[in-house]
Amino acid sequence: MTLAGGNRIPRSRPRLRRVLGSVGAAVISPVRQTLLFASLAATVLVVGLSRGAWNRQVWVEVTRSLRSVAVQSLGTAVGTGVLVGFVLVAQAVYWLGVTGQTGLIGPIIVLVLVREIIPILTGLIVFGRSGTATLIELGEARTRGWLHLYEMQGLDPLTLLILPRVLGFSIGAFCLATVFLLTTVVTGYLFAYALGLIAYSIWDFGELVLRALNASDFIVPPLKCLAIGFLVALACCATGLGRGGETDELQRLVPRGFVRSALAILLVNGLLDLVM
């Protein structure tokens, strides 16, 4: 294009526009997904607070989800607790004994184990044992016609599919974290006692840990576990129900759900550490 004075207006470069479009899409897509996830979480909370949502069928699904998380994952939590007890607690007792800082055993266990490791590993166990099953189950809901069937019957899929799993995962994560913590502490003490690293009783060892706890340690770690269970369930439900169709392979849902669940676990853990 030429102006009256003979000057030319430079044309937009297609390559630059494509680069800017790609960058914009890469930024907009995660923001959109985050906003959709936040709106879904808010909707679940609002629906969960309504009394009419909790009918008999919903409670049956809650019981099934709670059994899947708290009972079927119990062996995994105990086994992981034994490994962590040996690797972390026994090693901490050993090195603190070598440096003559045995008085820090309680604070170290509380700081590293109770506040950080237990909530994160519990979230990963919940996803690995129950979240993947939820991903596969709900990933077939659209392709097999479950959602369409619910709509024909006038039923709300959010109430029947998401709400029970969110509650079951939250309570189940708290129960698993409790078993995980007890197993880790007891195993760490037994290994340390068997190796001759400590000579006092398990009751004295437990008293060291309890003395290191403060008021927030009875609030923040349980709150972390409940929130992590909530968000892991929500991420798995949203990923499964968000499957595009037969063209979207079912095997891709698991890594996609894992990334979202891991980000949710780390986000909850970091935010609560900053707030509290």
Protein backbone atom coordinates (compact mmCIF):
# COMPACT_ATOMS: atom_id res chain seq x y z
CA MET A 1 0.00 0.00 0.00
CA THR A 2 1.34 3.44 -0.99
CA LEU A 3 0.44 6.81 0.54
CA ALA A 4 0.05 10.07 -1.43
CA GLY A 5 3.64 11.11 -0.67
CA GLY A 6 5.00 7.89 -2.08
CA ASN A 7 5.77 6.30 1.33
CA ARG A 8 4.94 2.66 1.85
CA ILE A 9 3.26 1.25 4.92
CA PRO A 10 5.21 -1.83 6.04
CA ARG A 11 3.25 -5.03 5.96
CA SER A 12 2.90 -7.12 9.13
CA ARG A 13 5.24 -9.98 9.15
CA PRO A 14 3.35 -13.31 9.13
CA ARG A 15 6.13 -15.08 11.00
CA LEU A 16 6.06 -12.53 13.83
CA ARG A 17 2.31 -12.80 14.09
CA ARG A 18 2.53 -16.57 14.27
CA VAL A 19 5.13 -16.36 17.05
CA LEU A 20 3.05 -13.86 19.01
CA GLY A 21 -0.04 -16.02 18.51
CA SER A 22 1.78 -19.10 19.79
CA VAL A 23 3.06 -17.23 22.85
CA GLY A 24 -0.41 -15.83 23.53
CA ALA A 25 -2.03 -19.25 23.23
CA ALA A 26 0.59 -20.76 25.56
CA VAL A 27 -0.22 -18.09 28.16
CA ILE A 28 -3.99 -17.96 27.74
CA SER A 29 -4.58 -21.72 27.85
CA PRO A 30 -3.12 -22.33 31.35
CA VAL A 31 -4.88 -19.24 32.69
CA ARG A 32 -8.18 -20.42 31.23
CA GLN A 33 -7.68 -23.91 32.68
CA THR A 34 -6.84 -22.46 36.10
CA LEU A 35 -9.93 -20.24 36.10
CA LEU A 36 -12.14 -23.14 35.04
CA PHE A 37 -10.66 -25.31 37.78
CA ALA A 38 -11.20 -22.56 40.38
CA SER A 39 -14.80 -22.08 39.25
CA LEU A 40 -15.41 -25.83 39.46
CA ALA A 41 -13.96 -25.92 43.00
CA ALA A 42 -16.19 -23.00 44.04
CA THR A 43 -19.23 -24.68 42.49
CA VAL A 44 -18.53 -27.95 44.31
CA LEU A 45 -18.21 -26.08 47.62
CA VAL A 46 -21.48 -24.21 47.06
CA VAL A 47 -23.34 -27.37 46.05
CA GLY A 48 -21.82 -29.27 48.97
CA LEU A 49 -23.16 -26.71 51.43
CA SER A 50 -26.72 -27.18 50.20
CA ARG A 51 -28.70 -29.70 52.20
CA GLY A 52 -30.62 -31.06 49.23
CA ALA A 53 -27.49 -32.40 47.55
CA TRP A 54 -26.88 -35.10 50.16
CA ASN A 55 -29.32 -37.83 49.28
CA ARG A 56 -28.93 -41.55 49.87
CA GLN A 57 -27.30 -42.27 46.52
CA VAL A 58 -24.67 -39.59 47.12
CA TRP A 59 -23.82 -41.04 50.54
CA VAL A 60 -23.41 -44.49 48.99
CA GLU A 61 -20.88 -43.01 46.56
CA VAL A 62 -19.13 -41.20 49.43
CA THR A 63 -18.76 -44.49 51.30
CA ARG A 64 -17.39 -46.19 48.20
CA SER A 65 -14.86 -43.42 47.59
CA LEU A 66 -13.81 -43.35 51.24
CA ARG A 67 -13.29 -47.11 51.22
CA SER A 68 -11.21 -46.82 48.06
CA VAL A 69 -8.92 -44.18 49.57
CA ALA A 70 -8.71 -45.06 53.26
CA VAL A 71 -8.94 -48.86 53.14
CA GLN A 72 -7.51 -49.98 49.82
CA SER A 73 -4.58 -47.57 50.12
CA LEU A 74 -3.81 -48.53 53.72
CA GLY A 75 -1.13 -51.07 52.80
CA THR A 76 0.62 -48.55 50.58
CA ALA A 77 0.60 -45.95 53.36
CA VAL A 78 2.00 -48.41 55.91
CA GLY A 79 4.71 -49.62 53.52
CA THR A 80 5.72 -46.08 52.64
CA GLY A 81 5.72 -45.18 56.34
CA VAL A 82 8.14 -48.03 57.08
CA LEU A 83 10.53 -46.85 54.36
CA VAL A 84 10.34 -43.21 55.40
CA GLY A 85 10.76 -44.16 59.05
CA PHE A 86 13.99 -45.97 58.28
CA VAL A 87 15.36 -43.47 55.76
CA LEU A 88 14.35 -40.26 57.51
CA VAL A 89 13.71 -40.77 61.21
CA ALA A 90 16.42 -43.33 61.92
CA GLN A 91 18.95 -41.38 59.86
CA ALA A 92 18.01 -38.13 61.61
CA VAL A 93 18.47 -39.78 65.01
CA TYR A 94 21.84 -41.15 63.94
CA TRP A 95 23.29 -37.90 62.58
CA LEU A 96 21.92 -35.79 65.40
CA GLY A 97 23.50 -38.25 67.83
CA VAL A 98 26.83 -38.02 66.02
CA THR A 99 26.79 -34.22 66.21
CA GLY A 100 25.60 -34.21 69.82
CA GLN A 101 22.29 -32.51 68.96
CA THR A 102 19.87 -35.17 70.18
CA GLY A 103 17.66 -32.46 71.64
CA LEU A 104 16.69 -31.48 68.07
CA ILE A 105 15.16 -34.86 67.25
CA GLY A 106 11.62 -33.68 68.03
CA PRO A 107 11.81 -30.34 66.14
CA ILE A 108 13.43 -31.99 63.10
CA ILE A 109 10.73 -34.66 62.90
CA VAL A 110 7.98 -32.08 63.25
CA LEU A 111 9.49 -29.64 60.77
CA VAL A 112 10.40 -32.12 58.04
CA LEU A 113 8.00 -34.99 58.53
CA VAL A 114 4.77 -33.62 59.99
CA ARG A 115 4.66 -30.28 58.17
CA GLU A 116 6.06 -31.18 54.76
CA ILE A 117 6.64 -34.82 53.84
CA ILE A 118 3.46 -36.40 55.20
CA PRO A 119 0.97 -34.16 53.32
CA ILE A 120 2.88 -34.36 50.02
CA LEU A 121 3.41 -38.13 50.05
CA THR A 122 -0.17 -38.68 51.20
CA GLY A 123 -1.42 -36.74 48.19
CA LEU A 124 0.74 -38.81 45.85
CA ILE A 125 -0.50 -42.05 47.43
CA VAL A 126 -4.11 -40.91 47.07
CA PHE A 127 -3.58 -40.12 43.41
CA GLY A 128 -1.64 -43.30 42.66
CA ARG A 129 -4.08 -45.69 44.33
CA SER A 130 -7.47 -44.00 43.85
CA GLY A 131 -7.01 -41.02 41.56
CA THR A 132 -5.95 -43.11 38.57
CA ALA A 133 -9.01 -45.34 38.98
CA THR A 134 -11.20 -42.24 39.06
CA LEU A 135 -9.52 -40.91 35.92
CA ILE A 136 -10.20 -44.09 33.97
CA GLU A 137 -13.72 -44.51 35.33
CA LEU A 138 -14.87 -40.97 34.59
CA GLY A 139 -12.87 -40.86 31.37
CA GLU A 140 -15.34 -43.40 29.96
CA ALA A 141 -18.42 -41.62 31.30
CA ARG A 142 -18.95 -39.56 28.15
CA THR A 143 -17.96 -42.21 25.61
CA ARG A 144 -20.17 -44.87 27.23
CA GLY A 145 -23.12 -42.53 27.53
CA TRP A 146 -23.29 -42.18 31.33
CA LEU A 147 -23.47 -38.39 31.21
CA HIS A 148 -26.18 -38.48 28.57
CA LEU A 149 -28.11 -41.00 30.65
CA TYR A 150 -27.90 -38.74 33.71
CA GLU A 151 -29.15 -35.79 31.68
CA MET A 152 -32.09 -37.84 30.37
CA GLN A 153 -33.02 -38.78 33.94
CA GLY A 154 -32.70 -35.19 35.17
CA LEU A 155 -29.78 -36.02 37.47
CA ASP A 156 -26.88 -33.69 38.18
CA PRO A 157 -23.51 -35.31 37.28
CA LEU A 158 -21.69 -32.88 39.58
CA THR A 159 -23.70 -34.12 42.57
CA LEU A 160 -23.44 -37.80 41.73
CA LEU A 161 -19.93 -38.04 40.28
CA ILE A 162 -17.79 -35.24 41.70
CA LEU A 163 -19.20 -34.33 45.11
CA PRO A 164 -18.96 -37.84 46.66
CA ARG A 165 -15.39 -38.32 45.45
CA VAL A 166 -14.30 -34.93 46.72
CA LEU A 167 -15.59 -35.67 50.22
CA GLY A 168 -14.33 -39.26 50.23
CA PHE A 169 -10.85 -38.27 49.05
CA SER A 170 -10.60 -35.45 51.61
CA ILE A 171 -11.52 -37.60 54.61
CA GLY A 172 -9.54 -40.53 53.25
CA ALA A 173 -6.40 -38.41 52.83
CA PHE A 174 -6.64 -37.29 56.46
CA CYS A 175 -7.02 -40.90 57.65
CA LEU A 176 -4.09 -42.08 55.52
CA ALA A 177 -1.90 -39.24 56.78
CA THR A 178 -2.63 -40.23 60.39
CA VAL A 179 -1.69 -43.88 59.76
CA PHE A 180 1.32 -42.79 57.72
CA LEU A 181 2.62 -40.54 60.51
CA LEU A 182 2.19 -43.13 63.26
CA THR A 183 3.84 -45.83 61.15
CA THR A 184 6.77 -43.59 60.29
CA VAL A 185 7.45 -42.49 63.86
CA VAL A 186 7.13 -45.97 65.34
CA THR A 187 9.26 -47.55 62.60
CA GLY A 188 11.94 -44.88 62.96
CA TYR A 189 12.11 -45.44 66.70
CA LEU A 190 12.30 -49.23 66.35
CA PHE A 191 15.13 -49.03 63.81
CA ALA A 192 17.02 -46.48 65.92
CA TYR A 193 16.54 -48.57 69.09
CA ALA A 194 17.57 -51.81 67.35
CA LEU A 195 20.74 -50.15 66.07
CA GLY A 196 21.57 -48.82 69.53
CA LEU A 197 21.22 -45.18 68.52
CA ILE A 198 18.83 -44.40 71.37
CA ALA A 199 18.28 -46.04 74.73
CA TYR A 200 15.08 -44.45 76.01
CA SER A 201 11.57 -45.90 75.64
CA ILE A 202 9.15 -45.25 72.83
CA TRP A 203 7.02 -43.19 75.23
CA ASP A 204 9.92 -40.84 75.87
CA PHE A 205 10.54 -40.66 72.12
CA GLY A 206 6.91 -39.78 71.53
CA GLU A 207 7.09 -37.14 74.26
CA LEU A 208 10.04 -35.50 72.45
CA VAL A 209 7.94 -35.24 69.31
CA LEU A 210 4.85 -33.97 71.13
CA ARG A 211 6.84 -31.28 72.93
CA ALA A 212 8.08 -29.99 69.58
CA LEU A 213 4.53 -29.49 68.32
CA ASN A 214 2.83 -26.13 68.63
CA ALA A 215 -0.80 -25.15 68.26
CA SER A 216 -0.60 -24.61 64.49
CA ASP A 217 0.75 -28.14 63.98
CA PHE A 218 -2.63 -29.49 65.08
CA ILE A 219 -4.38 -27.32 62.46
CA VAL A 220 -2.19 -26.75 59.40
CA PRO A 221 -1.05 -30.33 58.54
CA PRO A 222 -4.59 -31.78 58.87
CA LEU A 223 -5.89 -28.86 56.83
CA LYS A 224 -3.24 -29.58 54.20
CA CYS A 225 -4.32 -33.21 53.95
CA LEU A 226 -8.00 -32.31 53.63
CA ALA A 227 -7.30 -29.66 50.99
CA ILE A 228 -4.94 -31.95 49.08
CA GLY A 229 -7.51 -34.74 49.02
CA PHE A 230 -10.13 -32.26 47.83
CA LEU A 231 -7.98 -30.90 44.99
CA VAL A 232 -6.63 -34.30 43.90
CA ALA A 233 -10.19 -35.59 43.59
CA LEU A 234 -11.25 -32.44 41.76
CA ALA A 235 -8.30 -32.63 39.36
CA CYS A 236 -8.98 -36.29 38.58
CA CYS A 237 -12.71 -35.73 38.10
CA ALA A 238 -12.19 -32.68 35.89
CA THR A 239 -9.56 -34.47 33.80
CA GLY A 240 -11.65 -37.59 33.38
CA LEU A 241 -14.89 -35.80 32.54
CA GLY A 242 -13.00 -33.41 30.27
CA ARG A 243 -12.00 -36.19 27.90
CA GLY A 244 -12.78 -35.06 24.38
CA GLY A 245 -14.08 -38.37 23.10
CA GLU A 246 -12.80 -41.51 21.41
CA THR A 247 -10.10 -39.49 19.65
CA ASP A 248 -8.63 -38.49 23.03
CA GLU A 249 -6.83 -41.65 24.13
CA LEU A 250 -7.62 -42.91 27.61
CA GLN A 251 -3.93 -43.53 28.36
CA ARG A 252 -3.20 -39.82 28.10
CA LEU A 253 -5.51 -39.00 31.00
CA VAL A 254 -3.21 -40.50 33.65
CA PRO A 255 -0.12 -38.32 32.97
CA ARG A 256 -2.38 -35.31 32.46
CA GLY A 257 -4.13 -35.95 35.76
CA PHE A 258 -0.82 -36.59 37.52
CA VAL A 259 0.59 -33.22 36.45
CA ARG A 260 -2.52 -31.39 37.58
CA SER A 261 -2.69 -33.28 40.87
CA ALA A 262 1.02 -32.74 41.59
CA LEU A 263 0.68 -29.02 40.92
CA ALA A 264 -2.35 -28.88 43.21
CA ILE A 265 -0.47 -30.72 45.99
CA LEU A 266 2.53 -28.40 45.79
CA LEU A 267 0.30 -25.33 45.57
CA VAL A 268 -1.66 -26.24 48.69
CA ASN A 269 1.49 -27.13 50.61
CA GLY A 270 3.24 -23.89 49.65
CA LEU A 271 0.28 -21.57 50.18
CA LEU A 272 -0.57 -22.93 53.63
CA ASP A 273 3.08 -22.68 54.64
CA LEU A 274 3.08 -19.02 53.62
CA VAL A 275 -0.27 -18.19 55.21
CA MET A 276 0.30 -20.05 58.46
